[in-house]
C-alpha atoms as a PDB file:
ATOM      1  CA  UNK A   1     -41.740 -26.591  -2.794  1.00  0.00           C
ATOM      2  CA  UNK A   2     -40.825 -24.402   0.100  1.00  0.00           C
ATOM      3  CA  UNK A   3     -37.932 -22.156  -0.808  1.00  0.00           C
ATOM      4  CA  UNK A   4     -36.605 -22.056   2.751  1.00  0.00           C
ATOM      5  CA  UNK A   5     -36.602 -25.840   3.078  1.00  0.00           C
ATOM      6  CA  UNK A   6     -34.795 -26.193  -0.236  1.00  0.00           C
ATOM      7  CA  UNK A   7     -32.213 -23.631   0.861  1.00  0.00           C
ATOM      8  CA  UNK A   8     -31.707 -25.272   4.267  1.00  0.00           C
ATOM      9  CA  UNK A   9     -31.250 -28.683   2.647  1.00  0.00           C
ATOM     10  CA  UNK A  10     -28.712 -27.308   0.184  1.00  0.00           C
ATOM     11  CA  UNK A  11     -26.756 -25.434   2.851  1.00  0.00           C
ATOM     12  CA  UNK A  12     -26.620 -28.410   5.214  1.00  0.00           C
ATOM     13  CA  UNK A  13     -25.531 -30.650   2.327  1.00  0.00           C
ATOM     14  CA  UNK A  14     -22.741 -28.257   1.336  1.00  0.00           C
ATOM     15  CA  UNK A  15     -21.676 -27.940   4.977  1.00  0.00           C
ATOM     16  CA  UNK A  16     -21.392 -31.726   5.181  1.00  0.00           C
ATOM     17  CA  UNK A  17     -19.456 -31.724   1.911  1.00  0.00           C
ATOM     18  CA  UNK A  18     -16.978 -29.167   3.223  1.00  0.00           C
ATOM     19  CA  UNK A  19     -16.581 -30.963   6.552  1.00  0.00           C
ATOM     20  CA  UNK A  20     -15.956 -34.368   5.017  1.00  0.00           C
ATOM     21  CA  UNK A  21     -13.828 -32.805   2.297  1.00  0.00           C
ATOM     22  CA  UNK A  22     -11.631 -31.342   5.016  1.00  0.00           C
ATOM     23  CA  UNK A  23     -11.345 -34.783   6.608  1.00  0.00           C
ATOM     24  CA  UNK A  24     -10.355 -36.270   3.244  1.00  0.00           C
ATOM     25  CA  UNK A  25      -7.770 -33.529   2.787  1.00  0.00           C
ATOM     26  CA  UNK A  26      -6.315 -34.446   6.183  1.00  0.00           C
ATOM     27  CA  UNK A  27      -6.260 -38.125   5.141  1.00  0.00           C
ATOM     28  CA  UNK A  28      -8.927 -39.190   7.651  1.00  0.00           C
ATOM     29  CA  UNK A  29     -11.797 -41.663   7.208  1.00  0.00           C
ATOM     30  CA  UNK A  30     -15.343 -40.837   8.214  1.00  0.00           C
ATOM     31  CA  UNK A  31     -15.753 -40.846  11.969  1.00  0.00           C
ATOM     32  CA  UNK A  32     -18.746 -41.044  14.277  1.00  0.00           C
ATOM     33  CA  UNK A  33     -19.398 -37.296  14.226  1.00  0.00           C
ATOM     34  CA  UNK A  34     -19.467 -37.357  10.431  1.00  0.00           C
ATOM     35  CA  UNK A  35     -22.232 -39.948  10.646  1.00  0.00           C
ATOM     36  CA  UNK A  36     -24.127 -37.644  12.987  1.00  0.00           C
ATOM     37  CA  UNK A  37     -23.798 -34.914  10.342  1.00  0.00           C
ATOM     38  CA  UNK A  38     -25.040 -37.340   7.693  1.00  0.00           C
ATOM     39  CA  UNK A  39     -28.026 -38.158   9.909  1.00  0.00           C
ATOM     40  CA  UNK A  40     -28.888 -34.465  10.238  1.00  0.00           C
ATOM     41  CA  UNK A  41     -28.694 -33.929   6.471  1.00  0.00           C
ATOM     42  CA  UNK A  42     -30.751 -37.076   5.882  1.00  0.00           C
ATOM     43  CA  UNK A  43     -33.372 -35.887   8.376  1.00  0.00           C
ATOM     44  CA  UNK A  44     -33.671 -32.563   6.544  1.00  0.00           C
ATOM     45  CA  UNK A  45     -33.994 -34.444   3.235  1.00  0.00           C
ATOM     46  CA  UNK A  46     -36.686 -36.653   4.809  1.00  0.00           C
ATOM     47  CA  UNK A  47     -38.648 -33.575   5.863  1.00  0.00           C
ATOM     48  CA  UNK A  48     -38.402 -32.307   2.303  1.00  0.00           C
ATOM     49  CA  UNK A  49     -39.570 -35.666   0.951  1.00  0.00           C
ATOM     50  CA  UNK A  50     -42.600 -35.614   3.246  1.00  0.00           C
ATOM     51  CA  UNK A  51     -43.440 -32.003   2.371  1.00  0.00           C
ATOM     52  CA  UNK A  52     -43.159 -32.780  -1.344  1.00  0.00           C
ATOM     53  CA  UNK A  53     -45.443 -35.801  -1.075  1.00  0.00           C
ATOM     54  CA  UNK A  54     -47.977 -33.828   0.979  1.00  0.00           C
ATOM     55  CA  UNK A  55     -47.999 -31.063  -1.621  1.00  0.00           C
ATOM     56  CA  UNK A  56     -48.601 -33.608  -4.363  1.00  0.00           C
ATOM     57  CA  UNK A  57     -51.387 -35.228  -2.322  1.00  0.00           C
ATOM     58  CA  UNK A  58     -53.072 -31.822  -1.940  1.00  0.00           C
ATOM     59  CA  UNK A  59     -53.226 -31.530  -5.701  1.00  0.00           C
ATOM     60  CA  UNK A  60     -50.333 -29.171  -6.341  1.00  0.00           C
ATOM     61  CA  UNK A  61     -48.408 -30.035  -9.484  1.00  0.00           C
ATOM     62  CA  UNK A  62     -44.785 -29.413 -10.434  1.00  0.00           C
ATOM     63  CA  UNK A  63     -44.290 -27.553 -13.692  1.00  0.00           C
ATOM     64  CA  UNK A  64     -42.059 -30.188 -15.301  1.00  0.00           C
ATOM     65  CA  UNK A  65     -44.001 -33.289 -14.303  1.00  0.00           C
ATOM     66  CA  UNK A  66     -44.845 -35.333 -11.248  1.00  0.00           C
ATOM     67  CA  UNK A  67     -42.850 -38.438 -12.164  1.00  0.00           C
ATOM     68  CA  UNK A  68     -39.534 -36.651 -12.517  1.00  0.00           C
ATOM     69  CA  UNK A  69     -40.244 -34.627  -9.378  1.00  0.00           C
ATOM     70  CA  UNK A  70     -40.860 -37.758  -7.296  1.00  0.00           C
ATOM     71  CA  UNK A  71     -37.743 -39.400  -8.773  1.00  0.00           C
ATOM     72  CA  UNK A  72     -35.607 -36.426  -7.769  1.00  0.00           C
ATOM     73  CA  UNK A  73     -37.208 -36.340  -4.300  1.00  0.00           C
ATOM     74  CA  UNK A  74     -36.377 -40.006  -3.726  1.00  0.00           C
ATOM     75  CA  UNK A  75     -32.875 -39.575  -5.134  1.00  0.00           C
ATOM     76  CA  UNK A  76     -32.165 -36.600  -2.917  1.00  0.00           C
ATOM     77  CA  UNK A  77     -33.353 -38.537   0.121  1.00  0.00           C
ATOM     78  CA  UNK A  78     -31.188 -41.593  -0.690  1.00  0.00           C
ATOM     79  CA  UNK A  79     -28.028 -39.766  -1.782  1.00  0.00           C
ATOM     80  CA  UNK A  80     -26.294 -39.166   1.552  1.00  0.00           C
ATOM     81  CA  UNK A  81     -27.254 -42.463   3.279  1.00  0.00           C
ATOM     82  CA  UNK A  82     -25.953 -44.424   0.281  1.00  0.00           C
ATOM     83  CA  UNK A  83     -22.632 -42.604   0.482  1.00  0.00           C
ATOM     84  CA  UNK A  84     -22.547 -43.219   4.232  1.00  0.00           C
ATOM     85  CA  UNK A  85     -22.857 -46.959   3.688  1.00  0.00           C
ATOM     86  CA  UNK A  86     -20.150 -46.834   1.039  1.00  0.00           C
ATOM     87  CA  UNK A  87     -17.859 -44.958   3.406  1.00  0.00           C
ATOM     88  CA  UNK A  88     -18.247 -47.749   5.962  1.00  0.00           C
ATOM     89  CA  UNK A  89     -16.683 -50.135   3.473  1.00  0.00           C
ATOM     90  CA  UNK A  90     -13.879 -47.742   2.580  1.00  0.00           C
ATOM     91  CA  UNK A  91     -12.182 -46.788   5.824  1.00  0.00           C
ATOM     92  CA  UNK A  92      -9.722 -44.353   4.313  1.00  0.00           C
ATOM     93  CA  UNK A  93      -9.753 -40.803   3.041  1.00  0.00           C
ATOM     94  CA  UNK A  94     -11.762 -42.037   0.054  1.00  0.00           C
ATOM     95  CA  UNK A  95     -14.722 -42.784   2.293  1.00  0.00           C
ATOM     96  CA  UNK A  96     -14.719 -39.172   3.462  1.00  0.00           C
ATOM     97  CA  UNK A  97     -14.381 -37.997  -0.108  1.00  0.00           C
ATOM     98  CA  UNK A  98     -17.376 -40.124  -1.119  1.00  0.00           C
ATOM     99  CA  UNK A  99     -19.537 -38.485   1.543  1.00  0.00           C
ATOM    100  CA  UNK A 100     -18.229 -35.079   0.504  1.00  0.00           C
ATOM    101  CA  UNK A 101     -19.212 -35.756  -3.087  1.00  0.00           C
ATOM    102  CA  UNK A 102     -22.679 -36.856  -1.995  1.00  0.00           C
ATOM    103  CA  UNK A 103     -23.163 -33.511  -0.244  1.00  0.00           C
ATOM    104  CA  UNK A 104     -22.342 -31.677  -3.460  1.00  0.00           C
ATOM    105  CA  UNK A 105     -24.643 -33.992  -5.429  1.00  0.00           C
ATOM    106  CA  UNK A 106     -27.468 -33.345  -2.955  1.00  0.00           C
ATOM    107  CA  UNK A 107     -27.024 -29.584  -3.307  1.00  0.00           C
ATOM    108  CA  UNK A 108     -27.230 -29.919  -7.097  1.00  0.00           C
ATOM    109  CA  UNK A 109     -30.333 -32.096  -6.762  1.00  0.00           C
ATOM    110  CA  UNK A 110     -31.906 -29.370  -4.642  1.00  0.00           C
ATOM    111  CA  UNK A 111     -31.357 -26.809  -7.377  1.00  0.00           C
ATOM    112  CA  UNK A 112     -32.894 -29.209  -9.880  1.00  0.00           C
ATOM    113  CA  UNK A 113     -35.896 -29.892  -7.588  1.00  0.00           C
ATOM    114  CA  UNK A 114     -36.479 -26.174  -7.303  1.00  0.00           C
ATOM    115  CA  UNK A 115     -36.366 -25.886 -11.095  1.00  0.00           C
ATOM    116  CA  UNK A 116     -38.709 -28.843 -11.632  1.00  0.00           C
ATOM    117  CA  UNK A 117     -41.261 -27.410  -9.233  1.00  0.00           C
ATOM    118  CA  UNK A 118     -41.270 -24.159 -11.181  1.00  0.00           C
ATOM    119  CA  UNK A 119     -39.024 -21.895  -9.158  1.00  0.00           C
END
């Protein structure tokens, strides 16, 4: 995996977590600009998914196994959009808190992806 891409994904995820956490603290639901932030984080995760699949297709192998690596790649890609859909159903501060939690989860998944690859 590319170290810079992993770092960028983690930083954008934590930025989203802080932003939506601040909205939850102020008792606000997710708003349109939060969804734009979720789209940016999801786009970065999509780039990472594509890069990971390309590296696997070129024959590079993660240290801890391909199956678990692909599972973590797919989970990291789906984490924030799933929370975004959940926040649409919960139009209160808890929707913002759900998105905030997904940002933290994505950052943790990035650390684990880095470890699985052999970093």
